């Protein structure tokens, strides 16, 4: 592998590692803020002290998660400048705007209000403190909104125009950027996935308390609130995931082909590959198990539309590469002769395919001399890694339906008042806590790996986006980040377990008659 390719791959690995670590904290933060607001609303309406205790207890766990989420998230924004300088130059005018707004509007709001929420219980009236809690929830969700607007542009660029004089993409419509369908669908889907994550977290810990006959009243009420909250979130996340998949099918057909393992164009009505073993090199599935007629209505919301496969998409990419080569050659001319009218006209005629010409430049530095073989190789690069995208999608969807089934039972047992008698269910509940985290990570892999080989889809290839660091520097920084973030995970787990073992404060936080006199050992988690 060429040194430049190695640096690009290491840069990708470092950003993936930091993002995956960070994304362990974000969904839980998003969801807990909404659950805290719901619990405190019940407290303000009813005046029952136990709901205040619930809000304060789950607020402690939120604070731990929030602090480590901030610590892991701050470095990611710096990575755009340090490891992805070409990308930052190319799209900084657009990408920087929502990130700046996120910092000024959302992060500062959330950070300020978190302090008031945690320490203002005895200093603010009930109504004012509830307002603060809602502001925390609003700030965290606004933060997600602006970040996903930035990410949505990378997935489906809108409201922008490339300026050959500055070699940058410039914003032409902030409204288009804000209301990008890709960004809005991702925001709602991601936020609700966070709500589901928090619901499973609260349910699992509440079940643990009920198994140990500790903090029973608090645990039962927390369980019920989270179960009701979670079942609506699980239904919504599945429905909105379908909507996001429909948008992806239009904006990123290569991602859709990878998600479904479609090597050949699927004529309607196509079958859905329930499981398969994709072979990227041979461009086929070694085996597959299909559900007949299901894929076409799922993906196209119709029964008569074909779904383009890898074979058709590669042909389309090859043609776009050929159409983009004149734009890139004209751009080289304009850099030397900015007023060349013929070069301007040639660029304008082919500028929509400029990104595809940059793909083949990886194999043919002089793209005007690119061979058919080099163009074919670049066209093949437009297909993302099918195996991880295909299985990442199925892990995410399978986890969502598993949680839906679990939450239906949780709501049923809770509303019937039989939950404390279902010890088998209570024992299973803590083991369900990792399921939404696995689904979230799998979804991130599908979204980001499925965009490859693009940093900005159809416009800027990943191979040209990275900074020109040395391999040694990248290895050192990657190892450092992995080590540091692993320490953060250990700290998070230690603090979470510590405060879960301590339990809530207040009248329902001590040992009642049915509660053990000693706190459970760490090993009791597994025994439960």
Protein backbone atom coordinates (compact mmCIF):
# COMPACT_ATOMS: atom_id res chain seq x y z
CA UNK A 1 0.00 0.00 0.00
CA UNK A 2 1.28 3.48 -0.90
CA UNK A 3 2.22 5.69 2.07
CA UNK A 4 -0.53 8.18 1.18
CA UNK A 5 -3.13 5.39 1.18
CA UNK A 6 -1.83 4.21 4.55
CA UNK A 7 -2.18 7.71 6.04
CA UNK A 8 -5.73 7.97 4.69
CA UNK A 9 -6.69 4.59 6.15
CA UNK A 10 -5.12 5.44 9.51
CA UNK A 11 -6.91 8.80 9.51
CA UNK A 12 -10.16 7.01 8.82
CA UNK A 13 -9.46 4.49 11.58
CA UNK A 14 -8.71 7.26 14.08
CA UNK A 15 -11.86 9.19 13.28
CA UNK A 16 -13.93 6.00 13.32
CA UNK A 17 -12.51 5.04 16.71
CA UNK A 18 -13.17 8.44 18.27
CA UNK A 19 -16.64 8.65 16.75
CA UNK A 20 -17.64 5.15 17.84
CA UNK A 21 -16.41 5.80 21.37
CA UNK A 22 -18.19 9.15 21.48
CA UNK A 23 -21.39 7.65 20.13
CA UNK A 24 -21.57 5.34 23.13
CA UNK A 25 -22.33 8.41 25.27
CA UNK A 26 -24.43 10.62 22.98
CA UNK A 27 -27.64 8.55 22.62
CA UNK A 28 -27.88 7.96 26.36
CA UNK A 29 -27.45 11.68 27.00
CA UNK A 30 -30.19 12.53 24.49
CA UNK A 31 -32.61 10.03 25.95
CA UNK A 32 -31.99 10.64 29.64
CA UNK A 33 -32.68 14.35 29.28
CA UNK A 34 -36.15 13.57 27.95
CA UNK A 35 -36.81 10.93 30.62
CA UNK A 36 -35.69 13.35 33.34
CA UNK A 37 -38.07 15.98 31.96
CA UNK A 38 -40.92 13.45 31.95
CA UNK A 39 -40.23 12.31 35.54
CA UNK A 40 -39.92 15.84 36.86
CA UNK A 41 -43.11 16.87 35.08
CA UNK A 42 -44.94 14.12 36.98
CA UNK A 43 -43.35 15.40 40.20
CA UNK A 44 -44.47 18.99 39.57
CA UNK A 45 -48.01 17.90 38.66
CA UNK A 46 -48.53 15.39 41.48
CA UNK A 47 -46.23 16.79 44.17
CA UNK A 48 -45.15 13.24 45.08
CA UNK A 49 -41.62 13.26 46.47
CA UNK A 50 -40.70 9.91 44.97
CA UNK A 51 -40.71 11.41 41.47
CA UNK A 52 -38.28 14.06 42.67
CA UNK A 53 -36.04 11.27 44.00
CA UNK A 54 -36.31 9.50 40.66
CA UNK A 55 -35.31 12.63 38.76
CA UNK A 56 -32.37 13.28 41.08
CA UNK A 57 -31.11 9.71 40.97
CA UNK A 58 -31.25 9.29 37.20
CA UNK A 59 -29.86 12.83 36.94
CA UNK A 60 -26.67 11.67 38.68
CA UNK A 61 -26.15 8.95 36.09
CA UNK A 62 -26.93 11.45 33.34
CA UNK A 63 -24.26 13.81 34.70
CA UNK A 64 -21.59 11.10 34.59
CA UNK A 65 -22.50 10.20 31.02
CA UNK A 66 -22.75 13.86 29.96
CA UNK A 67 -19.30 14.74 31.31
CA UNK A 68 -17.58 11.87 29.52
CA UNK A 69 -19.57 12.56 26.36
CA UNK A 70 -18.22 16.11 26.32
CA UNK A 71 -14.67 14.86 26.93
CA UNK A 72 -14.84 12.42 24.02
CA UNK A 73 -16.64 14.80 21.68
CA UNK A 74 -14.45 17.89 21.84
CA UNK A 75 -11.48 16.24 20.15
CA UNK A 76 -13.54 15.16 17.14
CA UNK A 77 -14.02 18.71 15.92
CA UNK A 78 -10.27 19.34 16.10
CA UNK A 79 -9.65 16.23 13.99
CA UNK A 80 -11.28 17.89 11.00
CA UNK A 81 -8.49 20.46 10.97
CA UNK A 82 -5.60 18.20 11.98
CA UNK A 83 -6.33 15.02 10.02
CA UNK A 84 -8.68 16.20 7.28
CA UNK A 85 -7.27 19.52 6.17
CA UNK A 86 -8.23 19.14 2.49
CA UNK A 87 -11.78 18.34 3.50
CA UNK A 88 -11.83 21.32 5.87
CA UNK A 89 -10.59 23.63 3.11
CA UNK A 90 -13.00 22.24 0.55
CA UNK A 91 -16.20 22.35 2.59
CA UNK A 92 -15.32 24.45 5.65
CA UNK A 93 -17.59 27.34 4.64
CA UNK A 94 -20.57 25.02 4.89
CA UNK A 95 -19.58 22.43 7.47
CA UNK A 96 -18.29 25.04 9.91
CA UNK A 97 -21.56 26.98 10.09
CA UNK A 98 -23.77 24.35 11.79
CA UNK A 99 -20.89 23.32 14.07
CA UNK A 100 -20.43 26.94 15.18
CA UNK A 101 -24.17 27.32 15.77
CA UNK A 102 -24.16 24.04 17.71
CA UNK A 103 -21.47 25.37 20.02
CA UNK A 104 -23.04 28.80 20.53
CA UNK A 105 -26.71 27.87 20.61
CA UNK A 106 -26.91 24.32 21.90
CA UNK A 107 -23.79 23.28 23.79
CA UNK A 108 -23.55 26.48 25.85
CA UNK A 109 -27.27 26.29 26.64
CA UNK A 110 -27.04 22.66 27.67
CA UNK A 111 -23.84 23.08 29.69
CA UNK A 112 -25.15 26.09 31.58
CA UNK A 113 -28.49 24.51 32.37
CA UNK A 114 -26.95 21.19 33.47
CA UNK A 115 -25.35 22.93 36.44
CA UNK A 116 -28.63 24.55 37.43
CA UNK A 117 -30.48 21.26 37.02
CA UNK A 118 -28.07 19.29 39.20
CA UNK A 119 -27.46 21.86 41.94
CA UNK A 120 -30.54 24.08 41.84
CA UNK A 121 -33.11 21.84 43.52
CA UNK A 122 -33.17 23.86 46.75
CA UNK A 123 -32.59 27.22 45.10
CA UNK A 124 -35.29 27.22 42.42
CA UNK A 125 -39.04 26.80 42.59
CA UNK A 126 -40.56 23.62 41.19
CA UNK A 127 -41.69 25.36 38.02
CA UNK A 128 -38.37 27.08 37.42
CA UNK A 129 -36.40 23.89 37.99
CA UNK A 130 -38.68 22.01 35.60
CA UNK A 131 -38.05 24.71 33.01
CA UNK A 132 -34.30 24.26 33.50
CA UNK A 133 -34.63 20.50 32.96
CA UNK A 134 -36.55 21.11 29.75
CA UNK A 135 -33.82 23.51 28.65
CA UNK A 136 -31.23 20.77 29.18
CA UNK A 137 -33.33 18.44 27.01
CA UNK A 138 -33.77 21.15 24.40
CA UNK A 139 -30.04 21.94 24.38
CA UNK A 140 -28.98 18.33 23.95
CA UNK A 141 -31.43 17.78 21.10
CA UNK A 142 -30.49 21.05 19.41
CA UNK A 143 -26.87 19.95 19.63
CA UNK A 144 -27.76 16.73 17.84
CA UNK A 145 -29.75 18.68 15.25
CA UNK A 146 -26.90 20.95 14.19
CA UNK A 147 -24.33 18.17 14.13
CA UNK A 148 -26.61 16.04 11.99
CA UNK A 149 -27.28 18.96 9.67
CA UNK A 150 -23.53 19.06 9.09
CA UNK A 151 -23.42 15.30 8.64
CA UNK A 152 -26.49 15.39 6.40
CA UNK A 153 -24.63 17.66 4.02
CA UNK A 154 -21.86 15.07 3.78
CA UNK A 155 -24.46 12.43 2.95
CA UNK A 156 -26.50 14.53 0.49
CA UNK A 157 -24.94 17.92 -0.33
CA UNK A 158 -27.47 20.68 -0.98
CA UNK A 159 -27.55 24.47 -1.01
CA UNK A 160 -23.96 24.90 -2.21
CA UNK A 161 -21.87 25.69 -5.27
CA UNK A 162 -18.24 24.92 -6.08
CA UNK A 163 -16.17 28.03 -6.82
CA UNK A 164 -13.24 27.22 -9.15
CA UNK A 165 -11.52 30.48 -8.23
CA UNK A 166 -11.21 29.55 -4.54
CA UNK A 167 -11.30 25.76 -4.92
CA UNK A 168 -13.95 25.68 -2.20
CA UNK A 169 -17.62 24.81 -1.95
CA UNK A 170 -19.61 27.88 -0.92
CA UNK A 171 -23.01 28.08 0.73
CA UNK A 172 -25.79 29.35 -1.53
CA UNK A 173 -28.87 28.56 0.57
CA UNK A 174 -28.85 28.18 4.33
CA UNK A 175 -32.52 27.17 4.15
CA UNK A 176 -31.70 24.22 1.89
CA UNK A 177 -28.91 23.20 4.25
CA UNK A 178 -31.18 23.42 7.28
CA UNK A 179 -34.11 21.56 5.75
CA UNK A 180 -32.08 18.96 3.90
CA UNK A 181 -34.38 15.86 3.98
CA UNK A 182 -31.38 13.64 4.75
CA UNK A 183 -30.40 15.76 7.75
CA UNK A 184 -33.92 16.04 9.14
CA UNK A 185 -34.59 12.30 8.80
CA UNK A 186 -31.24 11.46 10.42
CA UNK A 187 -31.89 13.87 13.29
CA UNK A 188 -35.30 12.43 14.17
CA UNK A 189 -34.12 8.83 13.75
CA UNK A 190 -30.96 9.38 15.82
CA UNK A 191 -32.71 11.33 18.57
CA UNK A 192 -35.44 8.74 19.01
CA UNK A 193 -32.81 6.00 19.02
CA UNK A 194 -31.33 7.88 21.96
CA UNK A 195 -34.69 7.91 23.73
CA UNK A 196 -34.90 4.14 23.24
CA UNK A 197 -31.36 3.73 24.57
CA UNK A 198 -32.21 5.62 27.77
CA UNK A 199 -35.43 3.66 28.23
CA UNK A 200 -33.59 0.33 28.06
CA UNK A 201 -30.93 1.68 30.44
CA UNK A 202 -33.49 2.73 33.06
CA UNK A 203 -35.48 -0.49 32.66
CA UNK A 204 -32.40 -2.66 33.13
CA UNK A 205 -31.24 -0.91 36.29
CA UNK A 206 -34.77 -0.75 37.71
CA UNK A 207 -35.16 -4.49 37.11
CA UNK A 208 -31.90 -5.09 38.97
CA UNK A 209 -33.23 -3.20 41.97
CA UNK A 210 -36.48 -5.15 41.92
CA UNK A 211 -34.60 -8.45 41.76
CA UNK A 212 -32.62 -7.44 44.84
CA UNK A 213 -35.70 -6.01 46.57
CA UNK A 214 -34.06 -2.61 46.90
CA UNK A 215 -35.70 0.78 46.26
CA UNK A 216 -38.81 -1.08 45.12
CA UNK A 217 -41.18 1.88 44.78
CA UNK A 218 -38.66 3.99 42.90
CA UNK A 219 -37.69 1.06 40.68
CA UNK A 220 -41.28 0.13 39.81
CA UNK A 221 -42.18 3.69 38.86
CA UNK A 222 -38.97 4.22 36.91
CA UNK A 223 -39.57 0.93 35.12
CA UNK A 224 -43.09 1.94 34.11
CA UNK A 225 -42.16 5.43 32.91
CA UNK A 226 -39.25 4.04 30.90
CA UNK A 227 -41.28 1.17 29.45
CA UNK A 228 -44.06 3.46 28.23
CA UNK A 229 -41.50 5.95 26.94
CA UNK A 230 -39.53 3.17 25.28
CA UNK A 231 -42.35 1.41 23.47
CA UNK A 232 -43.35 4.59 21.66
CA UNK A 233 -39.68 5.27 20.89
CA UNK A 234 -39.15 1.75 19.52
CA UNK A 235 -42.13 2.02 17.17
CA UNK A 236 -41.02 5.48 16.04
CA UNK A 237 -37.41 4.48 15.46
CA UNK A 238 -38.48 1.58 13.23
CA UNK A 239 -40.90 3.73 11.20
CA UNK A 240 -38.43 6.60 10.85
CA UNK A 241 -35.67 4.16 9.96
CA UNK A 242 -37.83 3.08 7.05
CA UNK A 243 -38.24 6.72 6.01
CA UNK A 244 -34.48 7.29 6.22
CA UNK A 245 -33.87 4.17 4.13
CA UNK A 246 -36.27 5.47 1.50
CA UNK A 247 -34.37 8.77 1.33
CA UNK A 248 -31.03 6.92 1.19
CA UNK A 249 -32.33 4.87 -1.73
CA UNK A 250 -32.77 8.08 -3.69
CA UNK A 251 -29.73 10.04 -2.49
CA UNK A 252 -27.22 7.20 -2.12
CA UNK A 253 -28.15 4.20 -4.29
CA UNK A 254 -24.72 2.66 -3.72
CA UNK A 255 -25.35 2.55 0.04
CA UNK A 256 -28.73 0.94 -0.57
CA UNK A 257 -27.18 -1.69 -2.84
CA UNK A 258 -24.64 -2.51 -0.11
CA UNK A 259 -27.28 -2.63 2.62
CA UNK A 260 -29.33 -5.13 0.62
CA UNK A 261 -26.50 -7.10 -1.01
CA UNK A 262 -27.76 -6.26 -4.51
CA UNK A 263 -25.07 -7.13 -7.04
CA UNK A 264 -27.52 -7.15 -9.93
CA UNK A 265 -30.40 -4.77 -10.58
CA UNK A 266 -33.52 -6.15 -8.87
CA UNK A 267 -36.57 -6.18 -11.09
CA UNK A 268 -39.91 -5.83 -9.29
CA UNK A 269 -41.12 -7.43 -7.16
CA UNK A 270 -37.71 -8.21 -5.67
CA UNK A 271 -37.04 -10.45 -2.71
CA UNK A 272 -35.44 -9.26 0.52
CA UNK A 273 -32.14 -10.91 1.49
CA UNK A 274 -32.83 -11.89 5.07
CA UNK A 275 -29.30 -13.25 5.40
CA UNK A 276 -26.48 -13.51 2.87
CA UNK A 277 -22.72 -13.78 2.65
CA UNK A 278 -21.53 -11.02 0.30
CA UNK A 279 -18.29 -11.53 -1.64
CA UNK A 280 -17.05 -8.12 -2.80
CA UNK A 281 -14.23 -9.45 -4.94
CA UNK A 282 -16.48 -11.82 -6.90
CA UNK A 283 -19.41 -9.37 -6.71
CA UNK A 284 -21.92 -11.98 -5.65
CA UNK A 285 -23.48 -13.49 -2.55
CA UNK A 286 -22.02 -16.89 -1.71
CA UNK A 287 -25.41 -17.81 -0.32
CA UNK A 288 -28.61 -15.97 0.52
CA UNK A 289 -31.97 -16.59 2.17
CA UNK A 290 -34.72 -14.40 0.72
CA UNK A 291 -38.23 -13.36 1.64
CA UNK A 292 -39.97 -13.12 -1.76
CA UNK A 293 -41.54 -9.86 -2.99
CA UNK A 294 -40.66 -7.90 0.17
CA UNK A 295 -37.75 -5.68 -0.91
CA UNK A 296 -39.48 -3.62 -3.62
CA UNK A 297 -42.29 -2.24 -1.42
CA UNK A 298 -39.88 -1.74 1.50
CA UNK A 299 -37.35 0.27 -0.49
CA UNK A 300 -39.40 2.00 -3.18
CA UNK A 301 -42.81 2.12 -1.45
CA UNK A 302 -44.22 0.71 -4.69
CA UNK A 303 -44.54 -2.62 -6.45
CA UNK A 304 -43.27 -1.76 -9.92
CA UNK A 305 -39.95 0.10 -9.57
CA UNK A 306 -36.61 -1.67 -10.16
CA UNK A 307 -33.83 -1.23 -7.63
CA UNK A 308 -30.41 -0.56 -9.19
CA UNK A 309 -27.74 -3.07 -8.27
CA UNK A 310 -23.96 -2.87 -8.27
CA UNK A 311 -23.77 -3.80 -11.98
CA UNK A 312 -25.85 -0.80 -13.06
CA UNK A 313 -24.33 1.59 -10.52
CA UNK A 314 -20.77 0.85 -11.66
CA UNK A 315 -21.74 1.54 -15.28
CA UNK A 316 -23.31 4.82 -14.23
CA UNK A 317 -20.20 5.74 -12.23
CA UNK A 318 -17.89 4.94 -15.17
CA UNK A 319 -19.90 7.26 -17.40
CA UNK A 320 -19.85 10.02 -14.80
CA UNK A 321 -16.07 9.64 -14.50
CA UNK A 322 -15.74 10.14 -18.26
CA UNK A 323 -18.08 13.13 -18.10
CA UNK A 324 -16.16 14.61 -15.17
CA UNK A 325 -12.70 14.42 -16.71
CA UNK A 326 -13.30 17.53 -18.91
CA UNK A 327 -14.32 19.45 -15.76
CA UNK A 328 -11.11 18.53 -13.97
CA UNK A 329 -8.89 19.35 -16.96
CA UNK A 330 -10.73 22.69 -17.31
CA UNK A 331 -10.18 23.35 -13.61
CA UNK A 332 -6.44 22.84 -14.04
CA UNK A 333 -6.50 25.35 -16.88
CA UNK A 334 -8.47 27.87 -14.82
CA UNK A 335 -5.93 27.70 -12.00
CA UNK A 336 -3.29 28.96 -14.44
CA UNK A 337 -5.57 31.17 -16.57
CA UNK A 338 -8.60 32.28 -14.49
CA UNK A 339 -10.15 34.25 -17.37
CA UNK A 340 -10.01 31.49 -20.00
CA UNK A 341 -13.54 31.60 -21.45
CA UNK A 342 -13.35 28.19 -23.12
CA UNK A 343 -12.18 26.52 -19.93
CA UNK A 344 -14.99 28.21 -17.97
CA UNK A 345 -17.58 26.96 -20.44
CA UNK A 346 -16.13 23.46 -20.35
CA UNK A 347 -16.12 23.44 -16.56
CA UNK A 348 -19.72 24.65 -16.33
CA UNK A 349 -20.85 21.95 -18.72
CA UNK A 350 -19.28 19.11 -16.71
CA UNK A 351 -18.99 20.44 -13.13
CA UNK A 352 -21.67 18.13 -11.70
CA UNK A 353 -19.37 15.15 -12.35
CA UNK A 354 -16.15 16.74 -11.07
CA UNK A 355 -16.04 14.50 -8.00
CA UNK A 356 -16.01 11.37 -10.15
CA UNK A 357 -12.99 12.62 -12.07
CA UNK A 358 -11.21 13.05 -8.72
CA UNK A 359 -11.83 9.36 -8.08
CA UNK A 360 -9.89 8.28 -11.15
CA UNK A 361 -7.10 10.75 -10.38
CA UNK A 362 -6.06 8.29 -7.69
CA UNK A 363 -5.02 5.88 -10.45
CA UNK A 364 -4.25 8.34 -13.27
CA UNK A 365 -2.65 11.60 -12.07
CA UNK A 366 -3.19 12.95 -15.59
CA UNK A 367 -6.86 12.17 -15.89
CA UNK A 368 -6.96 13.11 -19.57
CA UNK A 369 -4.91 9.95 -20.17
CA UNK A 370 -6.94 7.65 -17.93
CA UNK A 371 -7.38 4.19 -19.44
CA UNK A 372 -10.57 2.15 -19.51
CA UNK A 373 -9.07 -0.13 -16.87
CA UNK A 374 -8.33 2.80 -14.55
CA UNK A 375 -11.83 4.18 -15.05
CA UNK A 376 -13.31 0.74 -14.33
CA UNK A 377 -11.26 0.50 -11.13
CA UNK A 378 -12.42 3.94 -9.99
CA UNK A 379 -16.01 3.00 -10.82
CA UNK A 380 -15.69 -0.16 -8.73
CA UNK A 381 -14.44 2.02 -5.84
CA UNK A 382 -17.83 3.78 -5.75
CA UNK A 383 -19.34 0.68 -4.16
CA UNK A 384 -18.85 0.76 -0.35
CA UNK A 385 -17.67 -2.30 1.60
CA UNK A 386 -20.74 -4.48 1.23
CA UNK A 387 -20.19 -7.07 3.97
CA UNK A 388 -20.01 -4.71 7.02
CA UNK A 389 -22.76 -2.46 5.65
CA UNK A 390 -25.04 -5.42 4.87
CA UNK A 391 -24.62 -7.03 8.29
CA UNK A 392 -24.48 -3.73 10.19
CA UNK A 393 -27.92 -2.92 8.80
CA UNK A 394 -29.32 -6.30 9.85
CA UNK A 395 -27.85 -6.06 13.34
CA UNK A 396 -29.45 -2.63 13.76
CA UNK A 397 -32.86 -3.74 12.49
CA UNK A 398 -32.80 -7.03 14.39
CA UNK A 399 -31.94 -5.22 17.62
CA UNK A 400 -34.80 -2.75 17.06
CA UNK A 401 -37.40 -5.50 16.70
CA UNK A 402 -35.95 -7.39 19.68
CA UNK A 403 -36.35 -4.28 21.83
CA UNK A 404 -39.89 -3.72 20.56
CA UNK A 405 -40.88 -7.25 21.59
CA UNK A 406 -39.18 -6.82 24.96
CA UNK A 407 -40.90 -3.49 25.61
CA UNK A 408 -44.33 -4.86 24.74
CA UNK A 409 -43.87 -7.43 27.49
CA UNK A 410 -42.41 -4.80 29.85
CA UNK A 411 -45.42 -2.51 29.45
CA UNK A 412 -47.84 -5.41 29.81
CA UNK A 413 -46.26 -6.69 33.04
CA UNK A 414 -45.86 -3.20 34.48
CA UNK A 415 -49.44 -2.07 33.83
CA UNK A 416 -50.81 -5.35 35.17
CA UNK A 417 -48.74 -4.89 38.33
CA UNK A 418 -47.09 -8.31 37.96
CA UNK A 419 -43.59 -7.19 37.05
CA UNK A 420 -42.07 -8.02 40.45
CA UNK A 421 -43.30 -11.61 40.07
CA UNK A 422 -41.65 -12.11 36.65
CA UNK A 423 -38.17 -12.91 37.90
CA UNK A 424 -37.12 -14.46 34.58
CA UNK A 425 -37.99 -11.16 32.89
CA UNK A 426 -36.22 -9.09 35.52
CA UNK A 427 -33.12 -11.26 35.12
CA UNK A 428 -33.18 -10.72 31.35
CA UNK A 429 -33.67 -6.93 31.58
CA UNK A 430 -30.10 -5.92 32.62
CA UNK A 431 -28.74 -7.98 29.72
CA UNK A 432 -30.86 -5.87 27.37
CA UNK A 433 -28.99 -2.68 28.31
CA UNK A 434 -26.20 -3.22 25.71
CA UNK A 435 -28.67 -3.95 22.88
CA UNK A 436 -29.48 -0.32 21.93
CA UNK A 437 -25.79 0.61 22.16
CA UNK A 438 -24.96 -2.20 19.72
CA UNK A 439 -27.76 -1.02 17.42
CA UNK A 440 -26.50 2.59 17.58
CA UNK A 441 -22.94 1.59 16.71
CA UNK A 442 -24.16 -0.65 13.88
CA UNK A 443 -26.26 2.23 12.54
CA UNK A 444 -23.26 4.53 12.58
CA UNK A 445 -21.25 1.96 10.59
CA UNK A 446 -24.03 1.69 8.01
CA UNK A 447 -24.37 5.46 7.67
CA UNK A 448 -20.69 6.37 7.49
CA UNK A 449 -19.07 3.31 5.92
CA UNK A 450 -21.95 3.16 3.46
CA UNK A 451 -21.01 6.65 2.22
CA UNK A 452 -17.58 5.54 1.09
CA UNK A 453 -15.59 6.29 -1.03
CA UNK A 454 -16.84 9.83 -0.45
CA UNK A 455 -16.25 12.35 2.31
CA UNK A 456 -18.90 14.52 0.67
CA UNK A 457 -21.09 12.25 -1.41
CA UNK A 458 -20.57 12.63 -5.18
CA UNK A 459 -18.26 15.63 -4.63
CA UNK A 460 -15.12 14.92 -2.61
CA UNK A 461 -13.46 11.47 -2.43
CA UNK A 462 -12.06 10.30 0.89
CA UNK A 463 -8.65 9.48 -0.57
CA UNK A 464 -7.98 13.14 -1.35
CA UNK A 465 -9.46 14.59 1.87
CA UNK A 466 -6.83 13.67 4.46
CA UNK A 467 -3.89 15.73 5.71
CA UNK A 468 -0.35 14.81 4.68
CA UNK A 469 0.90 13.39 7.97
CA UNK A 470 3.56 10.73 8.32
CA UNK A 471 2.57 7.13 8.93
CA UNK A 472 4.44 7.17 12.24
CA UNK A 473 2.51 10.20 13.48
CA UNK A 474 -0.81 8.59 12.58
CA UNK A 475 0.05 5.31 14.28
CA UNK A 476 1.12 7.17 17.43
CA UNK A 477 -1.98 9.39 17.55
CA UNK A 478 -4.34 6.49 16.79
CA UNK A 479 -2.84 4.41 19.60
CA UNK A 480 -3.02 7.39 21.94
CA UNK A 481 -6.68 8.07 21.21
CA UNK A 482 -7.66 4.42 21.58
CA UNK A 483 -5.86 4.22 24.92
CA UNK A 484 -7.32 7.50 26.22
CA UNK A 485 -10.85 6.69 25.15
CA UNK A 486 -10.60 3.18 26.59
CA UNK A 487 -9.71 4.80 29.92
CA UNK A 488 -12.80 7.00 29.57
CA UNK A 489 -14.96 3.91 29.06
CA UNK A 490 -13.49 2.29 32.19
CA UNK A 491 -14.08 5.49 34.18
CA UNK A 492 -17.67 5.65 32.93
CA UNK A 493 -18.37 2.05 33.90
CA UNK A 494 -16.73 2.44 37.31
CA UNK A 495 -18.70 5.57 38.18
CA UNK A 496 -21.97 4.20 36.83
CA UNK A 497 -21.66 0.96 38.82
CA UNK A 498 -20.59 2.88 41.93
CA UNK A 499 -23.63 5.15 41.93
CA UNK A 500 -26.00 2.39 40.90
CA UNK A 501 -24.77 0.36 43.89
CA UNK A 502 -25.21 3.37 46.17
CA UNK A 503 -28.72 3.89 44.87
CA UNK A 504 -30.93 6.97 45.23
CA UNK A 505 -30.99 9.39 48.15
CA UNK A 506 -34.02 10.33 50.18
CA UNK A 507 -36.69 8.31 52.01
CA UNK A 508 -36.86 5.70 49.27
CA UNK A 509 -33.10 5.49 48.93
CA UNK A 510 -32.25 3.90 52.26
CA UNK A 511 -32.73 0.31 53.32
CA UNK A 512 -36.36 -0.40 54.03
CA UNK A 513 -37.60 -3.50 55.82
CA UNK A 514 -37.39 -5.58 52.66
CA UNK A 515 -33.98 -4.27 51.65
CA UNK A 516 -30.64 -5.95 52.37
CA UNK A 517 -28.43 -4.38 55.01
CA UNK A 518 -25.38 -4.37 52.74
CA UNK A 519 -24.84 -3.19 49.23
CA UNK A 520 -24.53 -5.90 46.55
CA UNK A 521 -21.12 -6.93 45.31
CA UNK A 522 -20.06 -6.23 41.73
CA UNK A 523 -20.45 -9.93 40.96
CA UNK A 524 -24.14 -9.71 41.77
CA UNK A 525 -24.70 -7.96 38.44
CA UNK A 526 -23.90 -11.19 36.66
CA UNK A 527 -25.80 -13.25 39.24
CA UNK A 528 -28.90 -11.18 38.48
